[in-house]
PDB file of N, CA and C in Angstrom:
ATOM      1  N   MET A   1       0.130   3.894   7.886  1.00  0.00           N
ATOM      2  CA  MET A   1       1.002   2.947   7.307  1.00  0.00           C
ATOM      3  C   MET A   1       0.579   2.816   5.859  1.00  0.00           C
ATOM      4  N   SER A   2       1.413   2.806   4.886  1.00  0.00           N
ATOM      5  CA  SER A   2       1.320   2.578   3.465  1.00  0.00           C
ATOM      6  C   SER A   2       2.619   1.979   2.926  1.00  0.00           C
ATOM      7  N   LEU A   3       2.130   1.551   1.696  1.00  0.00           N
ATOM      8  CA  LEU A   3       3.254   0.874   0.918  1.00  0.00           C
ATOM      9  C   LEU A   3       3.091   1.540  -0.623  1.00  0.00           C
ATOM     10  N   THR A   4       4.264   1.873  -1.144  1.00  0.00           N
ATOM     11  CA  THR A   4       4.098   2.193  -2.524  1.00  0.00           C
ATOM     12  C   THR A   4       5.116   1.386  -3.454  1.00  0.00           C
ATOM     13  N   LYS A   5       4.901   1.148  -4.623  1.00  0.00           N
ATOM     14  CA  LYS A   5       5.997   0.323  -5.280  1.00  0.00           C
ATOM     15  C   LYS A   5       6.231   1.185  -6.557  1.00  0.00           C
ATOM     16  N   ASN A   6       7.438   0.895  -7.127  1.00  0.00           N
ATOM     17  CA  ASN A   6       7.856   1.573  -8.390  1.00  0.00           C
ATOM     18  C   ASN A   6       8.792   0.777  -9.170  1.00  0.00           C
ATOM     19  N   LEU A   7       8.628   0.599 -10.407  1.00  0.00           N
ATOM     20  CA  LEU A   7       9.514  -0.033 -11.271  1.00  0.00           C
ATOM     21  C   LEU A   7      10.181   1.028 -12.130  1.00  0.00           C
ATOM     22  N   SER A   8      11.485   1.280 -12.128  1.00  0.00           N
ATOM     23  CA  SER A   8      12.170   2.229 -12.938  1.00  0.00           C
ATOM     24  C   SER A   8      11.823   2.074 -14.504  1.00  0.00           C
ATOM     25  N   ALA A   9      11.834   3.179 -15.180  1.00  0.00           N
ATOM     26  CA  ALA A   9      11.818   3.260 -16.495  1.00  0.00           C
ATOM     27  C   ALA A   9      12.413   2.109 -17.390  1.00  0.00           C
ATOM     28  N   ASP A  10      13.828   1.982 -16.857  1.00  0.00           N
ATOM     29  CA  ASP A  10      14.638   0.963 -17.456  1.00  0.00           C
ATOM     30  C   ASP A  10      14.598  -0.397 -17.072  1.00  0.00           C
ATOM     31  N   LYS A  11      13.523  -0.635 -16.147  1.00  0.00           N
ATOM     32  CA  LYS A  11      13.153  -1.804 -15.488  1.00  0.00           C
ATOM     33  C   LYS A  11      14.231  -2.583 -14.729  1.00  0.00           C
ATOM     34  N   GLU A  12      15.117  -1.785 -14.418  1.00  0.00           N
ATOM     35  CA  GLU A  12      16.251  -2.453 -13.627  1.00  0.00           C
ATOM     36  C   GLU A  12      16.214  -2.347 -12.130  1.00  0.00           C
ATOM     37  N   THR A  13      15.373  -1.377 -11.716  1.00  0.00           N
ATOM     38  CA  THR A  13      15.350  -1.190 -10.193  1.00  0.00           C
ATOM     39  C   THR A  13      13.787  -1.168  -9.809  1.00  0.00           C
ATOM     40  N   PHE A  14      13.498  -2.000  -8.970  1.00  0.00           N
ATOM     41  CA  PHE A  14      12.003  -2.134  -8.367  1.00  0.00           C
ATOM     42  C   PHE A  14      12.144  -1.610  -6.900  1.00  0.00           C
ATOM     43  N   THR A  15      11.377  -0.850  -6.580  1.00  0.00           N
ATOM     44  CA  THR A  15      11.405  -0.246  -5.008  1.00  0.00           C
ATOM     45  C   THR A  15      10.222  -0.262  -4.507  1.00  0.00           C
ATOM     46  N   ILE A  16      10.153  -0.864  -3.206  1.00  0.00           N
ATOM     47  CA  ILE A  16       8.990  -0.857  -2.354  1.00  0.00           C
ATOM     48  C   ILE A  16       9.346   0.038  -1.297  1.00  0.00           C
ATOM     49  N   GLN A  17       8.486   1.130  -1.143  1.00  0.00           N
ATOM     50  CA  GLN A  17       8.727   2.162   0.078  1.00  0.00           C
ATOM     51  C   GLN A  17       7.353   1.975   0.934  1.00  0.00           C
ATOM     52  N   ILE A  18       7.934   1.833   2.406  1.00  0.00           N
ATOM     53  CA  ILE A  18       7.001   1.612   3.326  1.00  0.00           C
ATOM     54  C   ILE A  18       6.995   2.779   4.340  1.00  0.00           C
ATOM     55  N   ASP A  19       5.731   3.279   4.519  1.00  0.00           N
ATOM     56  CA  ASP A  19       5.625   4.443   5.435  1.00  0.00           C
ATOM     57  C   ASP A  19       5.041   3.974   6.700  1.00  0.00           C
ATOM     58  N   GLY A  20       5.498   4.470   7.720  1.00  0.00           N
ATOM     59  CA  GLY A  20       4.754   4.289   9.080  1.00  0.00           C
ATOM     60  C   GLY A  20       5.165   2.962   9.700  1.00  0.00           C
ATOM     61  N   LYS A  21       4.362   2.073   9.948  1.00  0.00           N
ATOM     62  CA  LYS A  21       4.616   0.787  10.484  1.00  0.00           C
ATOM     63  C   LYS A  21       4.542  -0.342   9.443  1.00  0.00           C
ATOM     64  N   PHE A  22       5.613  -1.023   9.661  1.00  0.00           N
ATOM     65  CA  PHE A  22       5.939  -2.310   8.901  1.00  0.00           C
ATOM     66  C   PHE A  22       5.479  -3.531   9.974  1.00  0.00           C
ATOM     67  N   ASP A  23       4.434  -3.988   9.893  1.00  0.00           N
ATOM     68  CA  ASP A  23       3.971  -5.039  10.566  1.00  0.00           C
ATOM     69  C   ASP A  23       3.007  -5.918   9.861  1.00  0.00           C
ATOM     70  N   PHE A  24       2.380  -6.701  10.704  1.00  0.00           N
ATOM     71  CA  PHE A  24       1.323  -7.681  10.231  1.00  0.00           C
ATOM     72  C   PHE A  24       0.288  -7.194   9.254  1.00  0.00           C
ATOM     73  N   ASN A  25      -0.043  -5.960   9.558  1.00  0.00           N
ATOM     74  CA  ASN A  25      -1.155  -5.258   8.782  1.00  0.00           C
ATOM     75  C   ASN A  25      -0.789  -5.301   7.213  1.00  0.00           C
ATOM     76  N   LEU A  26       0.477  -5.254   6.923  1.00  0.00           N
ATOM     77  CA  LEU A  26       0.903  -5.120   5.530  1.00  0.00           C
ATOM     78  C   LEU A  26       1.185  -6.445   4.892  1.00  0.00           C
ATOM     79  N   VAL A  27       1.062  -7.464   5.396  1.00  0.00           N
ATOM     80  CA  VAL A  27       1.217  -8.878   5.065  1.00  0.00           C
ATOM     81  C   VAL A  27       0.713  -9.008   3.528  1.00  0.00           C
ATOM     82  N   GLN A  28      -0.459  -8.948   3.300  1.00  0.00           N
ATOM     83  CA  GLN A  28      -1.171  -9.201   1.881  1.00  0.00           C
ATOM     84  C   GLN A  28      -0.656  -8.060   1.012  1.00  0.00           C
ATOM     85  N   GLU A  29      -0.517  -6.864   1.360  1.00  0.00           N
ATOM     86  CA  GLU A  29      -0.222  -5.886   0.430  1.00  0.00           C
ATOM     87  C   GLU A  29       1.326  -5.866   0.037  1.00  0.00           C
ATOM     88  N   PHE A  30       2.160  -6.259   1.088  1.00  0.00           N
ATOM     89  CA  PHE A  30       3.709  -6.459   0.740  1.00  0.00           C
ATOM     90  C   PHE A  30       3.858  -7.632  -0.272  1.00  0.00           C
ATOM     91  N   ARG A  31       3.080  -8.689   0.015  1.00  0.00           N
ATOM     92  CA  ARG A  31       3.251  -9.789  -0.830  1.00  0.00           C
ATOM     93  C   ARG A  31       2.754  -9.527  -2.272  1.00  0.00           C
ATOM     94  N   ALA A  32       1.664  -8.897  -2.373  1.00  0.00           N
ATOM     95  CA  ALA A  32       1.250  -8.535  -3.683  1.00  0.00           C
ATOM     96  C   ALA A  32       2.049  -7.458  -4.480  1.00  0.00           C
ATOM     97  N   ALA A  33       2.667  -6.800  -3.708  1.00  0.00           N
ATOM     98  CA  ALA A  33       3.742  -5.850  -4.237  1.00  0.00           C
ATOM     99  C   ALA A  33       4.827  -6.303  -5.281  1.00  0.00           C
ATOM    100  N   TYR A  34       5.402  -7.449  -4.643  1.00  0.00           N
ATOM    101  CA  TYR A  34       6.491  -7.977  -5.439  1.00  0.00           C
ATOM    102  C   TYR A  34       6.079  -9.300  -6.371  1.00  0.00           C
ATOM    103  N   GLN A  35       4.766  -9.490  -6.237  1.00  0.00           N
ATOM    104  CA  GLN A  35       4.245 -10.756  -7.109  1.00  0.00           C
ATOM    105  C   GLN A  35       4.603 -10.939  -8.545  1.00  0.00           C
ATOM    106  N   ASP A  36       4.351  -9.603  -9.052  1.00  0.00           N
ATOM    107  CA  ASP A  36       4.458  -9.665 -10.659  1.00  0.00           C
ATOM    108  C   ASP A  36       5.730  -8.729 -10.860  1.00  0.00           C
ATOM    109  N   ILE A  37       6.850  -9.319 -10.489  1.00  0.00           N
ATOM    110  CA  ILE A  37       8.152  -8.281 -10.522  1.00  0.00           C
ATOM    111  C   ILE A  37       8.781  -8.380 -12.090  1.00  0.00           C
ATOM    112  N   GLY A  38       8.276  -9.317 -12.872  1.00  0.00           N
ATOM    113  CA  GLY A  38       8.810  -9.344 -14.113  1.00  0.00           C
ATOM    114  C   GLY A  38       9.944 -10.304 -14.464  1.00  0.00           C
ATOM    115  N   ASP A  39      10.560 -10.089 -15.663  1.00  0.00           N
ATOM    116  CA  ASP A  39      11.550 -11.281 -16.004  1.00  0.00           C
ATOM    117  C   ASP A  39      12.878 -10.529 -16.275  1.00  0.00           C
ATOM    118  N   ASN A  40      13.029  -9.350 -15.877  1.00  0.00           N
ATOM    119  CA  ASN A  40      14.157  -8.445 -16.010  1.00  0.00           C
ATOM    120  C   ASN A  40      15.457  -8.793 -15.119  1.00  0.00           C
ATOM    121  N   LYS A  41      15.078  -9.376 -14.039  1.00  0.00           N
ATOM    122  CA  LYS A  41      15.996  -9.597 -12.857  1.00  0.00           C
ATOM    123  C   LYS A  41      16.502  -8.347 -12.417  1.00  0.00           C
ATOM    124  N   PRO A  42      15.316  -7.421 -11.869  1.00  0.00           N
ATOM    125  CA  PRO A  42      15.726  -6.056 -11.565  1.00  0.00           C
ATOM    126  C   PRO A  42      16.398  -6.081  -9.945  1.00  0.00           C
ATOM    127  N   LYS A  43      16.963  -5.147  -9.666  1.00  0.00           N
ATOM    128  CA  LYS A  43      17.552  -4.837  -8.303  1.00  0.00           C
ATOM    129  C   LYS A  43      16.345  -4.478  -7.538  1.00  0.00           C
ATOM    130  N   VAL A  44      16.142  -5.058  -6.329  1.00  0.00           N
ATOM    131  CA  VAL A  44      15.149  -4.756  -5.432  1.00  0.00           C
ATOM    132  C   VAL A  44      15.463  -3.904  -4.347  1.00  0.00           C
ATOM    133  N   ILE A  45      14.890  -2.933  -4.088  1.00  0.00           N
ATOM    134  CA  ILE A  45      15.123  -1.933  -2.988  1.00  0.00           C
ATOM    135  C   ILE A  45      13.998  -1.855  -2.082  1.00  0.00           C
ATOM    136  N   ILE A  46      14.151  -2.039  -0.842  1.00  0.00           N
ATOM    137  CA  ILE A  46      13.146  -1.844   0.297  1.00  0.00           C
ATOM    138  C   ILE A  46      13.535  -0.589   0.907  1.00  0.00           C
ATOM    139  N   ASP A  47      12.839   0.421   0.667  1.00  0.00           N
ATOM    140  CA  ASP A  47      13.070   1.780   1.179  1.00  0.00           C
ATOM    141  C   ASP A  47      12.333   1.994   2.426  1.00  0.00           C
ATOM    142  N   LEU A  48      13.052   2.064   3.615  1.00  0.00           N
ATOM    143  CA  LEU A  48      12.558   2.317   4.960  1.00  0.00           C
ATOM    144  C   LEU A  48      12.677   3.520   5.492  1.00  0.00           C
ATOM    145  N   ARG A  49      12.902   4.718   4.638  1.00  0.00           N
ATOM    146  CA  ARG A  49      13.168   6.029   5.211  1.00  0.00           C
ATOM    147  C   ARG A  49      12.002   6.503   5.860  1.00  0.00           C
ATOM    148  N   ASN A  50      10.750   6.259   5.620  1.00  0.00           N
ATOM    149  CA  ASN A  50       9.700   6.701   6.454  1.00  0.00           C
ATOM    150  C   ASN A  50       8.989   5.710   7.268  1.00  0.00           C
ATOM    151  N   THR A  51       9.759   4.672   7.435  1.00  0.00           N
ATOM    152  CA  THR A  51       9.291   3.429   8.423  1.00  0.00           C
ATOM    153  C   THR A  51       9.639   3.803   9.918  1.00  0.00           C
ATOM    154  N   GLU A  52       8.577   3.903  10.824  1.00  0.00           N
ATOM    155  CA  GLU A  52       8.763   4.238  12.028  1.00  0.00           C
ATOM    156  C   GLU A  52       8.863   3.045  13.109  1.00  0.00           C
ATOM    157  N   TYR A  53       8.406   2.026  12.600  1.00  0.00           N
ATOM    158  CA  TYR A  53       8.169   0.821  13.417  1.00  0.00           C
ATOM    159  C   TYR A  53       8.331  -0.493  12.616  1.00  0.00           C
ATOM    160  N   MET A  54       8.913  -1.490  13.175  1.00  0.00           N
ATOM    161  CA  MET A  54       8.894  -2.896  12.406  1.00  0.00           C
ATOM    162  C   MET A  54       8.915  -3.930  13.590  1.00  0.00           C
ATOM    163  N   ASP A  55       8.186  -4.879  13.189  1.00  0.00           N
ATOM    164  CA  ASP A  55       8.060  -6.113  14.336  1.00  0.00           C
ATOM    165  C   ASP A  55       8.564  -7.303  13.560  1.00  0.00           C
ATOM    166  N   SER A  56       8.513  -8.416  14.311  1.00  0.00           N
ATOM    167  CA  SER A  56       9.029  -9.732  13.821  1.00  0.00           C
ATOM    168  C   SER A  56       8.228 -10.147  12.486  1.00  0.00           C
ATOM    169  N   SER A  57       6.957  -9.782  12.384  1.00  0.00           N
ATOM    170  CA  SER A  57       6.350 -10.220  11.139  1.00  0.00           C
ATOM    171  C   SER A  57       6.680  -9.415   9.944  1.00  0.00           C
ATOM    172  N   ALA A  58       7.379  -8.347  10.140  1.00  0.00           N
ATOM    173  CA  ALA A  58       8.092  -7.682   9.048  1.00  0.00           C
ATOM    174  C   ALA A  58       9.346  -8.391   8.588  1.00  0.00           C
ATOM    175  N   LEU A  59       9.878  -8.955   9.603  1.00  0.00           N
ATOM    176  CA  LEU A  59      11.152  -9.657   9.214  1.00  0.00           C
ATOM    177  C   LEU A  59      10.759 -10.962   8.588  1.00  0.00           C
ATOM    178  N   GLY A  60       9.735 -11.561   8.989  1.00  0.00           N
ATOM    179  CA  GLY A  60       9.234 -12.837   8.165  1.00  0.00           C
ATOM    180  C   GLY A  60       8.969 -12.310   6.843  1.00  0.00           C
ATOM    181  N   MET A  61       8.247 -11.280   6.656  1.00  0.00           N
ATOM    182  CA  MET A  61       7.933 -10.938   5.162  1.00  0.00           C
ATOM    183  C   MET A  61       9.153 -10.553   4.322  1.00  0.00           C
ATOM    184  N   LEU A  62      10.040 -10.078   5.014  1.00  0.00           N
ATOM    185  CA  LEU A  62      11.343  -9.870   4.129  1.00  0.00           C
ATOM    186  C   LEU A  62      12.018 -11.222   3.774  1.00  0.00           C
ATOM    187  N   LEU A  63      11.948 -12.120   4.755  1.00  0.00           N
ATOM    188  CA  LEU A  63      12.557 -13.335   4.349  1.00  0.00           C
ATOM    189  C   LEU A  63      11.701 -14.284   3.344  1.00  0.00           C
ATOM    190  N   ASN A  64      10.376 -14.119   3.417  1.00  0.00           N
ATOM    191  CA  ASN A  64       9.522 -14.675   2.605  1.00  0.00           C
ATOM    192  C   ASN A  64       9.684 -14.273   1.081  1.00  0.00           C
ATOM    193  N   MET A  65       9.874 -12.832   1.029  1.00  0.00           N
ATOM    194  CA  MET A  65      10.018 -12.193  -0.296  1.00  0.00           C
ATOM    195  C   MET A  65      11.414 -12.824  -0.741  1.00  0.00           C
ATOM    196  N   GLN A  66      12.414 -12.702  -0.117  1.00  0.00           N
ATOM    197  CA  GLN A  66      13.786 -13.421  -0.466  1.00  0.00           C
ATOM    198  C   GLN A  66      13.660 -14.729  -0.961  1.00  0.00           C
ATOM    199  N   LYS A  67      12.824 -15.520  -0.290  1.00  0.00           N
ATOM    200  CA  LYS A  67      12.720 -17.006  -0.639  1.00  0.00           C
ATOM    201  C   LYS A  67      11.825 -17.047  -2.024  1.00  0.00           C
ATOM    202  N   ASN A  68      10.790 -16.187  -2.151  1.00  0.00           N
ATOM    203  CA  ASN A  68       9.971 -16.360  -3.247  1.00  0.00           C
ATOM    204  C   ASN A  68      10.577 -15.592  -4.424  1.00  0.00           C
ATOM    205  N   LEU A  69      11.397 -14.702  -4.350  1.00  0.00           N
ATOM    206  CA  LEU A  69      12.041 -14.122  -5.451  1.00  0.00           C
ATOM    207  C   LEU A  69      13.193 -14.820  -5.981  1.00  0.00           C
ATOM    208  N   GLY A  70      13.999 -15.414  -5.175  1.00  0.00           N
ATOM    209  CA  GLY A  70      15.047 -16.264  -5.545  1.00  0.00           C
ATOM    210  C   GLY A  70      15.983 -15.608  -6.700  1.00  0.00           C
ATOM    211  N   ASP A  71      15.937 -16.383  -7.694  1.00  0.00           N
ATOM    212  CA  ASP A  71      16.780 -16.015  -8.944  1.00  0.00           C
ATOM    213  C   ASP A  71      15.989 -14.883  -9.944  1.00  0.00           C
ATOM    214  N   LYS A  72      14.833 -14.630  -9.484  1.00  0.00           N
ATOM    215  CA  LYS A  72      14.162 -13.565 -10.267  1.00  0.00           C
ATOM    216  C   LYS A  72      14.564 -12.096 -10.215  1.00  0.00           C
ATOM    217  N   VAL A  73      15.493 -11.840  -9.171  1.00  0.00           N
ATOM    218  CA  VAL A  73      16.097 -10.520  -8.950  1.00  0.00           C
ATOM    219  C   VAL A  73      17.607 -10.756  -8.779  1.00  0.00           C
ATOM    220  N   SER A  74      18.370  -9.463  -9.265  1.00  0.00           N
ATOM    221  CA  SER A  74      19.726  -9.565  -9.113  1.00  0.00           C
ATOM    222  C   SER A  74      20.128  -9.327  -7.708  1.00  0.00           C
ATOM    223  N   SER A  75      19.422  -8.690  -6.939  1.00  0.00           N
ATOM    224  CA  SER A  75      19.911  -8.211  -5.480  1.00  0.00           C
ATOM    225  C   SER A  75      18.780  -7.670  -4.772  1.00  0.00           C
ATOM    226  N   ILE A  76      18.878  -7.826  -3.515  1.00  0.00           N
ATOM    227  CA  ILE A  76      17.717  -7.163  -2.543  1.00  0.00           C
ATOM    228  C   ILE A  76      18.392  -6.381  -1.683  1.00  0.00           C
ATOM    229  N   THR A  77      18.189  -4.948  -1.481  1.00  0.00           N
ATOM    230  CA  THR A  77      18.812  -4.149  -0.685  1.00  0.00           C
ATOM    231  C   THR A  77      17.872  -3.509   0.238  1.00  0.00           C
ATOM    232  N   ILE A  78      18.010  -3.409   1.688  1.00  0.00           N
ATOM    233  CA  ILE A  78      17.179  -2.754   2.551  1.00  0.00           C
ATOM    234  C   ILE A  78      17.778  -1.305   2.813  1.00  0.00           C
ATOM    235  N   SER A  79      17.247  -0.165   2.380  1.00  0.00           N
ATOM    236  CA  SER A  79      17.862   0.942   2.514  1.00  0.00           C
ATOM    237  C   SER A  79      17.136   2.144   3.170  1.00  0.00           C
ATOM    238  N   ASN A  80      17.892   3.166   3.558  1.00  0.00           N
ATOM    239  CA  ASN A  80      17.560   4.298   4.290  1.00  0.00           C
ATOM    240  C   ASN A  80      16.842   3.976   5.616  1.00  0.00           C
ATOM    241  N   CYS A  81      17.441   3.146   6.376  1.00  0.00           N
ATOM    242  CA  CYS A  81      16.995   2.681   7.615  1.00  0.00           C
ATOM    243  C   CYS A  81      17.191   3.849   8.650  1.00  0.00           C
ATOM    244  N   ARG A  82      16.208   4.023   9.583  1.00  0.00           N
ATOM    245  CA  ARG A  82      16.408   4.785  10.700  1.00  0.00           C
ATOM    246  C   ARG A  82      17.208   4.032  11.718  1.00  0.00           C
ATOM    247  N   PRO A  83      18.007   4.489  12.641  1.00  0.00           N
ATOM    248  CA  PRO A  83      18.918   4.000  13.560  1.00  0.00           C
ATOM    249  C   PRO A  83      18.069   2.835  14.270  1.00  0.00           C
ATOM    250  N   GLN A  84      17.004   3.059  14.866  1.00  0.00           N
ATOM    251  CA  GLN A  84      16.331   1.952  15.732  1.00  0.00           C
ATOM    252  C   GLN A  84      15.834   0.889  14.711  1.00  0.00           C
ATOM    253  N   ILE A  85      15.677   0.893  13.406  1.00  0.00           N
ATOM    254  CA  ILE A  85      15.157   0.054  12.435  1.00  0.00           C
ATOM    255  C   ILE A  85      16.501  -0.812  12.109  1.00  0.00           C
ATOM    256  N   LYS A  86      17.555  -0.139  11.933  1.00  0.00           N
ATOM    257  CA  LYS A  86      18.791  -0.655  11.555  1.00  0.00           C
ATOM    258  C   LYS A  86      19.381  -1.579  12.614  1.00  0.00           C
ATOM    259  N   LYS A  87      19.098  -1.272  13.859  1.00  0.00           N
ATOM    260  CA  LYS A  87      19.417  -1.900  15.063  1.00  0.00           C
ATOM    261  C   LYS A  87      18.561  -3.300  15.073  1.00  0.00           C
ATOM    262  N   ILE A  88      17.333  -3.180  14.823  1.00  0.00           N
ATOM    263  CA  ILE A  88      16.627  -4.463  14.835  1.00  0.00           C
ATOM    264  C   ILE A  88      17.132  -5.505  13.683  1.00  0.00           C
ATOM    265  N   LEU A  89      17.347  -4.923  12.360  1.00  0.00           N
ATOM    266  CA  LEU A  89      17.892  -5.730  11.448  1.00  0.00           C
ATOM    267  C   LEU A  89      19.336  -6.302  11.739  1.00  0.00           C
ATOM    268  N   GLN A  90      20.188  -5.492  12.489  1.00  0.00           N
ATOM    269  CA  GLN A  90      21.546  -6.143  12.755  1.00  0.00           C
ATOM    270  C   GLN A  90      21.414  -7.298  13.932  1.00  0.00           C
ATOM    271  N   ILE A  91      20.596  -6.979  14.973  1.00  0.00           N
ATOM    272  CA  ILE A  91      20.179  -7.927  16.031  1.00  0.00           C
ATOM    273  C   ILE A  91      19.757  -9.115  15.385  1.00  0.00           C
ATOM    274  N   SER A  92      18.926  -9.013  14.335  1.00  0.00           N
ATOM    275  CA  SER A  92      18.293 -10.435  13.859  1.00  0.00           C
ATOM    276  C   SER A  92      19.296 -10.852  12.772  1.00  0.00           C
ATOM    277  N   ARG A  93      20.389 -10.367  12.626  1.00  0.00           N
ATOM    278  CA  ARG A  93      21.424 -10.814  11.643  1.00  0.00           C
ATOM    279  C   ARG A  93      21.059 -10.692  10.226  1.00  0.00           C
ATOM    280  N   PHE A  94      20.129  -9.758   9.931  1.00  0.00           N
ATOM    281  CA  PHE A  94      19.669  -9.544   8.552  1.00  0.00           C
ATOM    282  C   PHE A  94      20.681  -9.045   7.680  1.00  0.00           C
ATOM    283  N   ASP A  95      21.820  -8.432   8.317  1.00  0.00           N
ATOM    284  CA  ASP A  95      22.794  -7.869   7.598  1.00  0.00           C
ATOM    285  C   ASP A  95      23.646  -8.950   6.939  1.00  0.00           C
ATOM    286  N   LYS A  96      23.420 -10.242   7.205  1.00  0.00           N
ATOM    287  CA  LYS A  96      24.131 -11.400   6.513  1.00  0.00           C
ATOM    288  C   LYS A  96      23.344 -12.017   5.288  1.00  0.00           C
ATOM    289  N   LYS A  97      21.912 -11.483   5.463  1.00  0.00           N
ATOM    290  CA  LYS A  97      21.239 -12.025   4.369  1.00  0.00           C
ATOM    291  C   LYS A  97      20.721 -11.066   3.265  1.00  0.00           C
ATOM    292  N   PHE A  98      21.007  -9.708   3.710  1.00  0.00           N
ATOM    293  CA  PHE A  98      20.481  -8.714   2.567  1.00  0.00           C
ATOM    294  C   PHE A  98      21.679  -7.732   2.730  1.00  0.00           C
ATOM    295  N   ASN A  99      21.528  -6.840   1.630  1.00  0.00           N
ATOM    296  CA  ASN A  99      22.462  -5.708   1.755  1.00  0.00           C
ATOM    297  C   ASN A  99      21.721  -4.522   2.384  1.00  0.00           C
ATOM    298  N   ILE A 100      22.307  -3.893   3.418  1.00  0.00           N
ATOM    299  CA  ILE A 100      21.771  -2.879   4.231  1.00  0.00           C
ATOM    300  C   ILE A 100      22.609  -1.640   4.052  1.00  0.00           C
ATOM    301  N   ASP A 101      21.797  -0.484   3.535  1.00  0.00           N
ATOM    302  CA  ASP A 101      22.717   0.781   3.593  1.00  0.00           C
ATOM    303  C   ASP A 101      21.927   1.820   4.150  1.00  0.00           C
TER     304      ASP A 101
END
């Protein structure tokens, strides 16, 4: 499991990519990833293309991120979900709180 972050050259898109398991072991690293997001109100993308597993603590981390970032970002999108991950997000009604594609 690993996490990478990237701010685009134009500072308009901030991407966090999670590989492997998105669970409690990533709490500190995930929080640190978006801590200093800057003042440009970037669009945040949580890229789950390589995420094989997600548990309830990951859902909590996403909600905390949304709460902490508030008006500091223009939008938050969860993207490239595998079918089983997308199902977890839909059952948890995260499609009502986040853009999911």
